[in-house]
Protein backbone atom coordinates (compact mmCIF):
# COMPACT_ATOMS: atom_id res chain seq x y z
CA MET A 1 45.78 -43.07 -19.66
CA LEU A 2 42.57 -44.01 -18.10
CA PHE A 3 42.28 -46.81 -15.31
CA ASN A 4 38.80 -47.81 -17.56
CA SER A 5 40.66 -48.04 -20.73
CA ILE A 6 41.84 -50.87 -23.22
CA GLU A 7 44.97 -48.84 -23.19
CA PHE A 8 45.66 -49.70 -19.04
CA ALA A 9 44.63 -53.16 -19.70
CA PHE A 10 47.89 -54.02 -22.03
CA PHE A 11 49.60 -51.42 -20.22
CA PHE A 12 49.28 -52.80 -16.52
CA PRO A 13 50.43 -56.23 -17.16
CA VAL A 14 53.12 -55.71 -19.69
CA VAL A 15 54.89 -52.95 -17.07
CA THR A 16 54.43 -55.80 -14.22
CA ALA A 17 55.69 -58.70 -15.74
CA VAL A 18 58.80 -56.74 -16.87
CA TYR A 19 59.47 -55.21 -13.88
CA PHE A 20 59.73 -57.88 -11.81
CA LEU A 21 61.59 -59.58 -14.56
CA LEU A 22 64.47 -56.73 -14.58
CA PRO A 23 67.44 -56.67 -12.08
CA GLN A 24 66.87 -54.21 -9.22
CA ARG A 25 68.73 -51.46 -10.28
CA TRP A 26 67.05 -50.92 -13.07
CA ARG A 27 63.04 -51.35 -11.68
CA THR A 28 62.91 -47.77 -10.92
CA LEU A 29 64.01 -46.59 -13.75
CA TRP A 30 61.62 -48.78 -15.44
CA LEU A 31 58.86 -47.46 -13.50
CA LEU A 32 59.78 -44.11 -14.15
CA ALA A 33 59.68 -44.59 -18.08
CA ALA A 34 56.27 -46.15 -17.28
CA SER A 35 55.12 -43.42 -15.20
CA CYS A 36 56.15 -41.04 -18.07
CA VAL A 37 54.31 -43.17 -21.08
CA PHE A 38 51.04 -43.18 -18.61
CA TYR A 39 51.28 -39.67 -17.84
CA MET A 40 51.96 -38.64 -21.88
CA ALA A 41 49.16 -40.27 -23.06
CA PHE A 42 46.62 -37.88 -22.04
CA ILE A 43 48.71 -34.65 -23.27
CA PRO A 44 52.53 -35.23 -24.30
CA ALA A 45 53.65 -31.59 -24.03
CA TYR A 46 52.49 -31.47 -20.37
CA ILE A 47 55.39 -33.89 -19.24
CA PHE A 48 57.57 -30.43 -19.19
CA ILE A 49 55.67 -29.12 -16.63
CA LEU A 50 55.64 -31.85 -14.61
CA LEU A 51 59.73 -31.98 -14.95
CA VAL A 52 59.93 -28.26 -14.17
CA THR A 53 58.25 -29.15 -10.40
CA ILE A 54 60.11 -32.17 -10.23
CA LEU A 55 63.44 -30.08 -10.95
CA ILE A 56 62.61 -27.38 -8.44
CA ASP A 57 62.09 -29.42 -5.55
CA TYR A 58 64.69 -32.02 -5.92
CA ALA A 59 67.23 -29.36 -6.21
CA ALA A 60 65.39 -27.65 -3.31
CA GLY A 61 65.68 -30.44 -1.23
CA ILE A 62 69.44 -30.83 -1.63
CA TYR A 63 70.08 -27.59 -1.06
CA ILE A 64 67.95 -26.92 2.17
CA GLU A 65 69.85 -29.88 3.92
CA ARG A 66 72.97 -28.47 2.94
CA ALA A 67 72.00 -25.09 4.80
CA SER A 68 73.86 -24.39 7.85
CA GLU A 69 71.72 -21.54 8.87
CA GLU A 70 68.17 -21.58 10.12
CA GLY A 71 67.48 -18.44 7.86
CA ARG A 72 69.08 -19.45 4.63
CA LYS A 73 66.92 -22.87 4.99
CA HIS A 74 63.47 -20.62 5.29
CA ALA A 75 64.45 -18.67 2.79
CA LEU A 76 64.96 -21.76 0.39
CA LEU A 77 62.10 -23.15 1.67
CA LEU A 78 59.99 -20.40 0.42
CA VAL A 79 61.57 -20.21 -3.32
CA SER A 80 60.12 -23.87 -3.47
CA ILE A 81 56.85 -23.21 -2.51
CA ILE A 82 56.64 -19.92 -4.43
CA SER A 83 58.09 -21.67 -7.42
CA THR A 84 55.86 -24.67 -7.41
CA CYS A 85 52.40 -22.79 -6.35
CA THR A 86 53.33 -20.12 -9.12
CA VAL A 87 53.31 -23.28 -12.22
CA LEU A 88 49.48 -23.92 -10.44
CA PHE A 89 48.52 -20.88 -10.20
CA ILE A 90 49.36 -20.23 -13.93
CA PHE A 91 48.02 -23.16 -14.97
CA LYS A 92 44.91 -23.73 -12.90
CA TYR A 93 43.84 -20.20 -11.42
CA CYS A 94 45.01 -17.51 -13.70
CA ALA A 95 42.14 -17.41 -15.63
CA PHE A 96 39.70 -17.38 -12.47
CA PHE A 97 41.36 -14.43 -10.61
CA VAL A 98 41.37 -12.65 -13.97
CA ASP A 99 37.69 -12.92 -14.67
CA SER A 100 36.91 -12.38 -10.70
CA PHE A 101 38.66 -9.18 -10.89
CA VAL A 102 37.14 -8.11 -14.28
CA GLY A 103 33.65 -8.99 -13.00
CA ALA A 104 34.44 -7.08 -9.40
CA ALA A 105 35.61 -3.95 -11.54
CA HIS A 106 32.08 -4.34 -13.81
CA LEU A 107 30.38 -4.08 -10.44
CA ILE A 108 31.65 -0.79 -9.34
CA GLY A 109 31.26 0.75 -12.68
CA TRP A 110 34.77 -0.16 -14.19
CA ASN A 111 34.35 -1.41 -17.79
CA LEU A 112 37.41 -3.42 -18.15
CA PRO A 113 37.73 -5.65 -21.16
CA THR A 114 37.85 -9.68 -20.39
CA PRO A 115 40.56 -10.92 -21.71
CA LEU A 116 40.42 -14.28 -23.70
CA ILE A 117 42.62 -16.84 -21.49
CA SER A 118 42.52 -20.42 -22.37
CA ILE A 119 44.88 -22.73 -20.91
CA ILE A 120 44.09 -26.51 -20.45
CA LEU A 121 44.96 -27.80 -16.98
CA PRO A 122 47.47 -30.20 -16.86
CA ILE A 123 46.11 -33.74 -15.95
CA GLY A 124 46.33 -34.51 -11.89
CA LEU A 125 48.35 -31.44 -11.54
CA SER A 126 47.47 -30.18 -8.04
CA PHE A 127 47.89 -33.63 -6.46
CA HIS A 128 51.99 -34.24 -7.44
CA THR A 129 52.44 -30.50 -6.88
CA PHE A 130 51.16 -31.48 -3.30
CA GLN A 131 53.54 -34.30 -3.20
CA SER A 132 56.03 -32.20 -4.15
CA LEU A 133 55.57 -29.88 -1.71
CA ALA A 134 55.28 -32.38 1.33
CA TYR A 135 58.89 -33.55 0.72
CA VAL A 136 60.09 -30.51 0.75
CA VAL A 137 58.47 -29.29 3.82
CA GLU A 138 59.58 -32.88 5.24
CA VAL A 139 62.89 -32.12 4.35
CA TYR A 140 63.11 -28.89 6.02
CA ARG A 141 61.56 -30.19 9.00
CA GLY A 142 64.17 -32.92 9.12
CA ASN A 143 61.61 -35.54 9.07
CA GLN A 144 63.25 -36.71 5.37
CA LYS A 145 66.42 -36.73 4.11
CA ALA A 146 66.72 -35.21 0.82
CA GLU A 147 66.80 -37.43 -1.92
CA ARG A 148 70.17 -37.51 -4.12
CA ASP A 149 69.09 -39.93 -7.10
CA PHE A 150 67.11 -37.89 -9.40
CA VAL A 151 65.76 -41.14 -10.93
CA THR A 152 64.22 -42.14 -7.29
CA TYR A 153 62.81 -38.71 -6.65
CA ALA A 154 61.34 -38.42 -10.03
CA THR A 155 59.58 -41.37 -10.03
CA TYR A 156 58.52 -40.68 -6.19
CA VAL A 157 56.34 -37.87 -7.68
CA MET A 158 55.56 -39.62 -10.81
CA PHE A 159 54.64 -43.18 -9.78
CA PHE A 160 52.17 -44.20 -11.98
CA PRO A 161 49.16 -45.57 -9.74
CA GLN A 162 48.71 -42.07 -7.72
CA LEU A 163 50.09 -39.80 -10.42
CA VAL A 164 46.81 -38.10 -11.45
CA ALA A 165 44.61 -38.71 -8.36
CA GLY A 166 46.38 -39.32 -5.19
CA PRO A 167 46.37 -40.85 -2.60
CA ILE A 168 49.28 -37.69 -1.93
CA GLU A 169 51.62 -39.68 -0.43
CA ARG A 170 54.52 -38.61 1.89
CA PRO A 171 57.84 -39.10 1.33
CA GLN A 172 58.38 -41.21 4.80
CA ASN A 173 56.12 -43.71 3.65
CA LEU A 174 56.61 -43.90 -0.27
CA LEU A 175 60.64 -42.77 -1.03
CA HIS A 176 62.17 -45.60 0.95
CA GLN A 177 60.03 -47.98 -0.95
CA PHE A 178 61.80 -47.47 -4.49
CA ARG A 179 65.12 -49.04 -2.86
CA GLU A 180 63.41 -52.19 -1.58
CA ARG A 181 63.49 -55.13 -3.16
CA HIS A 182 60.33 -56.68 -4.23
CA THR A 183 59.75 -60.20 -4.76
CA PHE A 184 56.89 -61.41 -7.16
CA ASP A 185 54.43 -62.53 -4.15
CA HIS A 186 51.22 -64.28 -5.23
CA VAL A 187 49.44 -63.24 -1.95
CA ASN A 188 50.36 -59.40 -3.13
CA VAL A 189 49.43 -59.94 -6.31
CA THR A 190 45.97 -61.43 -6.27
CA ALA A 191 45.01 -58.76 -3.16
CA GLY A 192 45.45 -56.38 -5.44
CA LEU A 193 44.04 -57.58 -7.83
CA LYS A 194 41.32 -58.30 -5.84
CA ARG A 195 41.24 -54.11 -4.73
CA MET A 196 41.44 -53.36 -8.10
CA ALA A 197 38.27 -55.15 -9.42
CA TRP A 198 36.19 -53.66 -6.36
CA GLY A 199 37.71 -50.01 -7.64
CA PHE A 200 36.51 -50.93 -11.36
CA PHE A 201 33.19 -52.16 -9.60
CA LYS A 202 32.46 -48.74 -7.81
CA LYS A 203 33.64 -46.64 -11.09
CA LEU A 204 32.29 -48.72 -13.98
CA VAL A 205 29.16 -50.34 -12.75
CA VAL A 206 28.19 -47.86 -9.58
CA ALA A 207 29.66 -44.41 -10.44
CA ASP A 208 29.47 -44.05 -13.85
CA ARG A 209 25.92 -45.55 -14.10
CA LEU A 210 24.68 -42.70 -11.75
CA ALA A 211 26.44 -40.26 -13.82
CA LEU A 212 23.91 -40.73 -16.38
CA TYR A 213 21.08 -39.21 -14.50
CA VAL A 214 23.32 -37.08 -12.49
CA ASN A 215 24.70 -35.13 -15.30
CA ASP A 216 21.35 -35.09 -17.06
CA VAL A 217 19.51 -33.45 -13.98
CA TYR A 218 22.55 -31.13 -13.02
CA GLY A 219 22.97 -29.98 -16.78
CA ALA A 220 19.49 -28.62 -16.83
CA PRO A 221 17.82 -28.31 -13.13
CA GLN A 222 15.18 -26.16 -13.92
CA ASN A 223 13.64 -29.18 -16.22
CA TYR A 224 13.50 -31.20 -13.00
CA ASN A 225 11.03 -31.21 -10.02
CA GLY A 226 12.12 -31.32 -6.34
CA LEU A 227 12.01 -34.91 -6.27
CA GLN A 228 14.24 -35.61 -9.29
CA LEU A 229 17.04 -32.77 -8.04
CA SER A 230 16.51 -34.84 -4.47
CA VAL A 231 17.92 -38.35 -6.38
CA ALA A 232 19.90 -36.84 -8.64
CA THR A 233 21.85 -35.17 -5.57
CA VAL A 234 21.80 -38.21 -3.53
CA PHE A 235 23.10 -40.12 -6.57
CA PHE A 236 25.74 -37.56 -6.84
CA ALA A 237 26.93 -38.30 -3.12
CA TYR A 238 27.61 -41.75 -4.29
CA GLN A 239 28.84 -41.67 -7.74
CA ILE A 240 31.62 -38.82 -6.23
CA TYR A 241 32.52 -41.17 -3.77
CA CYS A 242 32.51 -44.34 -5.68
CA ASP A 243 34.63 -42.36 -8.64
CA PHE A 244 37.62 -41.35 -6.53
CA SER A 245 37.30 -43.96 -3.75
CA GLY A 246 37.20 -46.26 -6.84
CA TYR A 247 40.05 -45.02 -8.13
CA SER A 248 42.00 -44.65 -4.62
CA ASP A 249 41.30 -48.90 -4.73
CA ILE A 250 42.95 -49.47 -8.22
CA ALA A 251 45.76 -47.47 -7.56
CA ILE A 252 46.54 -48.87 -4.19
CA GLY A 253 45.46 -52.35 -5.91
CA ALA A 254 47.88 -51.47 -8.34
CA ALA A 255 50.93 -50.65 -6.73
CA GLN A 256 50.27 -53.54 -4.06
CA VAL A 257 50.63 -56.02 -6.98
CA LEU A 258 53.99 -54.29 -8.03
CA GLY A 259 55.08 -55.01 -4.11
CA PHE A 260 54.37 -50.66 -3.14
CA ARG A 261 52.23 -49.97 -0.20
CA LEU A 262 50.19 -46.60 -0.76
CA MET A 263 48.04 -45.25 2.14
CA GLU A 264 44.39 -45.80 2.76
CA ASN A 265 42.04 -42.52 1.55
CA PHE A 266 38.91 -43.50 2.36
CA ARG A 267 37.16 -45.34 5.25
CA THR A 268 33.56 -45.12 4.43
CA PRO A 269 32.84 -42.16 4.92
CA TYR A 270 28.94 -42.20 4.74
CA TYR A 271 29.16 -44.09 7.80
CA SER A 272 30.16 -40.89 9.77
CA LEU A 273 28.15 -39.49 13.01
CA SER A 274 29.41 -36.07 12.18
CA VAL A 275 31.53 -33.82 9.81
CA SER A 276 34.57 -33.51 11.57
CA GLU A 277 34.39 -37.61 11.63
CA PHE A 278 33.69 -37.13 7.94
CA TRP A 279 36.14 -35.14 6.91
CA ARG A 280 38.78 -37.96 8.88
CA ARG A 281 37.35 -40.41 6.60
CA TRP A 282 37.20 -39.30 3.23
CA HIS A 283 39.91 -38.12 0.89
CA ILE A 284 42.21 -38.77 4.34
CA SER A 285 45.67 -38.22 2.33
CA LEU A 286 44.37 -34.67 1.19
CA SER A 287 42.56 -33.96 4.76
CA THR A 288 45.86 -34.62 6.61
CA TRP A 289 47.78 -32.75 4.16
CA PHE A 290 45.72 -29.44 5.01
CA LYS A 291 45.80 -30.40 8.51
CA ASP A 292 49.75 -30.77 8.86
CA TYR A 293 50.70 -27.91 6.31
CA VAL A 294 48.15 -25.16 6.96
CA TYR A 295 45.88 -25.89 9.78
CA ILE A 296 48.59 -26.59 12.01
CA PRO A 297 50.96 -24.28 11.06
CA LEU A 298 48.19 -21.41 11.27
CA GLY A 299 48.00 -22.74 15.16
CA GLY A 300 45.43 -25.01 14.89
CA LYS A 301 43.16 -25.45 18.31
CA ARG A 302 46.16 -24.42 20.16
CA VAL A 303 44.71 -20.98 20.05
CA GLY A 304 41.91 -18.76 21.46
CA LYS A 305 38.48 -19.72 20.14
CA ALA A 306 38.23 -16.92 17.72
CA ARG A 307 41.68 -17.64 15.93
CA HIS A 308 40.55 -21.16 16.33
CA ILE A 309 37.44 -20.64 14.51
CA LEU A 310 39.42 -18.79 11.80
CA ASN A 311 41.89 -21.44 11.45
CA LEU A 312 39.21 -24.03 10.33
CA LEU A 313 37.23 -21.79 8.06
CA ILE A 314 40.83 -20.72 6.41
CA THR A 315 41.62 -24.58 6.05
CA PHE A 316 38.46 -25.64 4.56
CA THR A 317 38.30 -22.68 2.21
CA VAL A 318 41.67 -23.25 0.85
CA SER A 319 40.69 -26.68 0.65
CA GLY A 320 37.76 -25.84 -1.64
CA LEU A 321 40.11 -23.78 -4.10
CA TRP A 322 42.27 -26.52 -4.00
CA HIS A 323 39.39 -28.63 -5.68
CA GLY A 324 38.62 -26.00 -8.70
CA ALA A 325 38.94 -22.38 -9.86
CA ASN A 326 35.51 -21.53 -9.36
CA TRP A 327 33.59 -19.93 -6.90
CA THR A 328 31.30 -22.76 -6.42
CA TYR A 329 34.51 -25.16 -4.98
CA VAL A 330 35.35 -21.99 -3.00
CA ILE A 331 31.81 -21.63 -1.22
CA TRP A 332 31.84 -25.60 -0.89
CA GLY A 333 35.41 -25.50 1.06
CA ALA A 334 33.89 -22.45 3.33
CA LEU A 335 30.48 -24.27 4.13
CA ASN A 336 32.38 -27.28 5.10
CA GLY A 337 34.15 -25.07 7.19
CA VAL A 338 31.26 -23.76 8.92
CA TYR A 339 29.72 -27.21 9.75
CA LEU A 340 32.74 -27.89 11.66
CA VAL A 341 32.50 -24.28 13.33
CA LEU A 342 28.77 -24.86 14.13
CA GLY A 343 29.73 -28.48 15.13
CA SER A 344 31.94 -27.51 17.63
CA LEU A 345 29.64 -24.45 19.66
CA THR A 346 27.17 -26.19 19.73
CA LYS A 347 28.34 -29.72 20.77
CA SER A 348 27.13 -29.13 24.49
CA TRP A 349 23.94 -27.89 23.27
CA ARG A 350 23.37 -30.96 21.28
CA ASP A 351 24.67 -33.52 24.57
CA ARG A 352 22.06 -31.77 26.55
CA PHE A 353 19.46 -31.98 23.96
CA PHE A 354 19.62 -35.77 23.29
CA ALA A 355 20.30 -36.51 27.09
CA ILE A 356 16.81 -35.09 27.78
CA PHE A 357 15.24 -38.09 25.75
CA ASP A 358 18.04 -40.45 27.58
CA LEU A 359 19.47 -40.93 24.25
CA ASN A 360 23.61 -41.67 25.08
CA ALA A 361 26.48 -41.92 22.71
CA ASN A 362 25.93 -45.48 22.50
CA THR A 363 21.97 -46.24 21.45
CA VAL A 364 20.51 -46.82 17.90
CA SER A 365 18.56 -44.04 17.99
CA ARG A 366 21.07 -41.31 18.34
CA ARG A 367 23.65 -42.52 15.87
CA THR A 368 20.90 -43.02 13.45
CA ILE A 369 19.91 -39.56 13.94
CA MET A 370 23.87 -38.40 13.50
CA LEU A 371 24.30 -40.31 10.72
CA LEU A 372 21.46 -39.24 8.71
CA SER A 373 21.78 -35.65 9.61
CA THR A 374 25.59 -35.55 8.63
CA PHE A 375 24.33 -37.12 5.35
CA VAL A 376 22.18 -34.48 4.73
CA LEU A 377 24.57 -31.81 5.30
CA THR A 378 26.79 -33.74 3.25
CA CYS A 379 24.55 -33.80 0.19
CA ALA A 380 23.55 -30.03 0.90
CA ALA A 381 27.57 -29.18 0.16
CA TRP A 382 27.37 -31.63 -2.22
CA ILE A 383 25.08 -29.36 -3.97
CA VAL A 384 27.51 -26.41 -4.31
CA PHE A 385 29.98 -28.77 -5.37
CA ARG A 386 28.52 -30.24 -8.66
CA ALA A 387 26.17 -27.32 -9.67
CA ARG A 388 27.64 -25.13 -13.07
CA ASN A 389 27.17 -22.15 -10.91
CA MET A 390 26.00 -20.06 -7.74
CA GLY A 391 22.52 -19.70 -9.88
CA ASP A 392 22.23 -23.29 -10.72
CA VAL A 393 22.71 -23.54 -6.68
CA ALA A 394 20.31 -21.06 -5.56
CA TYR A 395 18.01 -22.88 -7.76
CA ILE A 396 18.25 -26.80 -6.82
CA ALA A 397 18.15 -25.29 -3.21
CA GLY A 398 15.09 -23.16 -3.34
CA HIS A 399 13.38 -26.38 -5.25
CA LEU A 400 14.04 -28.99 -3.46
CA GLY A 401 11.22 -29.57 -1.46
CA ARG A 402 8.86 -28.38 -4.35
CA GLY A 403 6.81 -30.29 -6.76
CA TRP A 404 7.23 -33.74 -5.67
CA ASN A 405 5.37 -35.21 -8.22
CA PHE A 406 5.86 -38.97 -8.32
CA HIS A 407 3.50 -39.37 -11.41
CA GLN A 408 6.81 -37.13 -13.33
CA LEU A 409 8.89 -39.67 -11.89
CA SER A 410 7.26 -42.81 -12.82
CA THR A 411 7.34 -40.94 -16.56
CA ASP A 412 11.01 -40.45 -16.41
CA HIS A 413 11.98 -42.77 -18.58
CA PHE A 414 15.59 -42.27 -18.27
CA LEU A 415 15.67 -42.53 -14.58
CA LEU A 416 13.55 -45.58 -14.86
CA ARG A 417 15.92 -47.29 -17.14
CA GLN A 418 18.84 -47.20 -14.62
CA PHE A 419 16.86 -46.82 -11.37
CA PRO A 420 16.73 -50.95 -10.97
CA VAL A 421 20.77 -51.17 -11.98
CA ALA A 422 22.02 -48.41 -9.61
CA VAL A 423 19.76 -49.48 -6.79
CA ALA A 424 21.08 -53.30 -7.34
CA SER A 425 24.68 -51.65 -7.10
CA LEU A 426 24.29 -49.65 -4.33
CA VAL A 427 22.76 -53.02 -2.10
CA VAL A 428 26.41 -54.81 -3.29
CA LEU A 429 28.13 -51.22 -2.24
CA GLU A 430 26.96 -51.29 1.26
CA ALA A 431 27.17 -54.93 1.78
CA GLY A 432 30.75 -55.02 0.95
CA GLN A 433 31.40 -51.66 2.78
CA LEU A 434 29.64 -53.02 6.46
CA LEU A 435 31.58 -56.16 5.85
CA GLN A 436 34.82 -54.03 5.26
CA GLY A 437 33.56 -52.06 8.42
CA GLY A 438 33.72 -55.37 10.02
CA ARG A 439 36.69 -57.70 11.90
CA ILE A 440 37.92 -58.72 8.57
CA SER A 441 38.62 -57.19 5.06
CA ILE A 442 36.94 -58.13 1.97
CA PRO A 443 39.53 -60.32 0.71
CA GLN A 444 39.92 -61.95 3.88
CA PHE A 445 36.67 -62.98 3.90
CA VAL A 446 36.57 -64.51 0.38
CA GLY A 447 39.93 -65.75 1.16
CA ARG A 448 38.42 -68.08 4.32
CA ALA A 449 35.79 -69.37 1.63
CA PRO A 450 35.83 -72.53 0.17
CA MET A 451 37.70 -72.79 -3.39
CA ALA A 452 34.28 -73.09 -5.35
CA ALA A 453 32.93 -69.88 -3.73
CA ARG A 454 35.66 -67.89 -3.76
CA TRP A 455 35.98 -68.35 -7.37
CA ALA A 456 31.86 -67.83 -7.99
CA VAL A 457 33.05 -64.55 -6.19
CA TYR A 458 35.64 -63.80 -8.41
CA ILE A 459 33.87 -64.85 -11.63
CA GLY A 460 30.77 -62.78 -10.47
CA MET A 461 32.19 -59.55 -9.98
CA VAL A 462 33.96 -59.75 -12.92
CA MET A 463 30.86 -60.53 -15.06
CA THR A 464 29.25 -57.91 -12.99
CA VAL A 465 31.63 -54.99 -13.91
CA VAL A 466 31.53 -56.65 -17.62
CA MET A 467 27.63 -56.72 -18.25
CA PHE A 468 26.61 -53.84 -15.64
CA GLY A 469 29.79 -51.50 -16.62
CA VAL A 470 29.25 -48.08 -18.41
CA TYR A 471 32.05 -48.22 -21.10
CA ARG A 472 32.00 -44.57 -22.38
CA LYS A 473 35.71 -43.68 -20.84
CA MET A 474 34.53 -41.24 -18.33
CA GLN A 475 37.21 -39.25 -16.80
CA PHE A 476 37.41 -39.84 -13.17
CA ILE A 477 35.77 -37.00 -11.29
CA TYR A 478 39.27 -35.85 -9.62
CA PHE A 479 41.01 -35.48 -12.55
CA GLN A 480 40.02 -31.94 -13.38
CA PHE A 481 41.62 -31.30 -10.22
């Protein structure tokens, strides 16, 4: 079920009302049932795939905690990880690796037949797989007690606000909340609804409108000049941010209405002054997951420089593969790893360069240069992420600086129709984010205003979404991952 659907507009109020009316002992079961309905609205049969991973890791957690020998615990952990990842591999990566093997064979003269493998990827499989794996690893490390109540554990994996696109929660943060008593709190409810409204604005007004142009340009980049390709690339940077952070806002807000606290997933990433800072602000739940369960176990930076570089490249390449079964995602991940490596290796050189011009870390000029350079590098990586294949990547990268024909841009009627609303929505977005980066949050700022002003903001936000939103039931981008 899409957040931006009529079905959800009826589903969520009913789930919320019944949740607060039910006795405490039935609430978790109700959330589990609601989450099943939410998930089955996509492809009903795939609920059984999710059930398999839930059963594997639920049992693994209990047996790991019971095991007295470290060797047995480690073996059980490996069984759980391999079993869960096998499900992910079959549905997400099997066809990719088979096609890659056949393609490599053709390059060396082996004429292998190309098997027809067509498997529909279950919605959000990577997200709830990683949430399950986090639980098993934390039980193994002794940071989390194994959950004995199956309904509670299943609800932890399937909790509908963050089921299909995160945030990827840790058991220490979320599991215990299903045992807490949540009373109807108008402060929580109104704050959650405001957060959801901001998320819907990001998705419907900003992301989906920008997508109209981005999809056209990246669908046939050969038909557009360098200026149009550049505009589409910047538009995509904001599209994917507003699409994904909008989903996170709706998820966090919906959970807050019910009394649950989910982790923040984005902190204005395009205000970053370096690529490493960008990854501390972008998709925080995934970045910290890879840091804790891949990068640090590999040795992190507690090793020699060469090994540290390798650890960074491995972590980001695997992160790219997590995003999708396509070489564009793998190369995008590796490219971000290269950015971090080069950033680390050139830090002292860059500091000396800025010192020549007496630009210390706090000067506006230096911060502006760093912000813009980080944004340009990020947009360059987004080209690889968004393009259909590496051929399109090569074409777009090779033509960004060519044919900046402003006359052709002025005849691009599609862009001219979308541009005014797109720019206005981005201005509202940036104003909101600048306020969010200040001393108080947007809800706090609005909450301190007089009642008439507050309601003017609320009504204005709703009317903006209603009047300027794009209603084509566009899936959230990260659903495909």
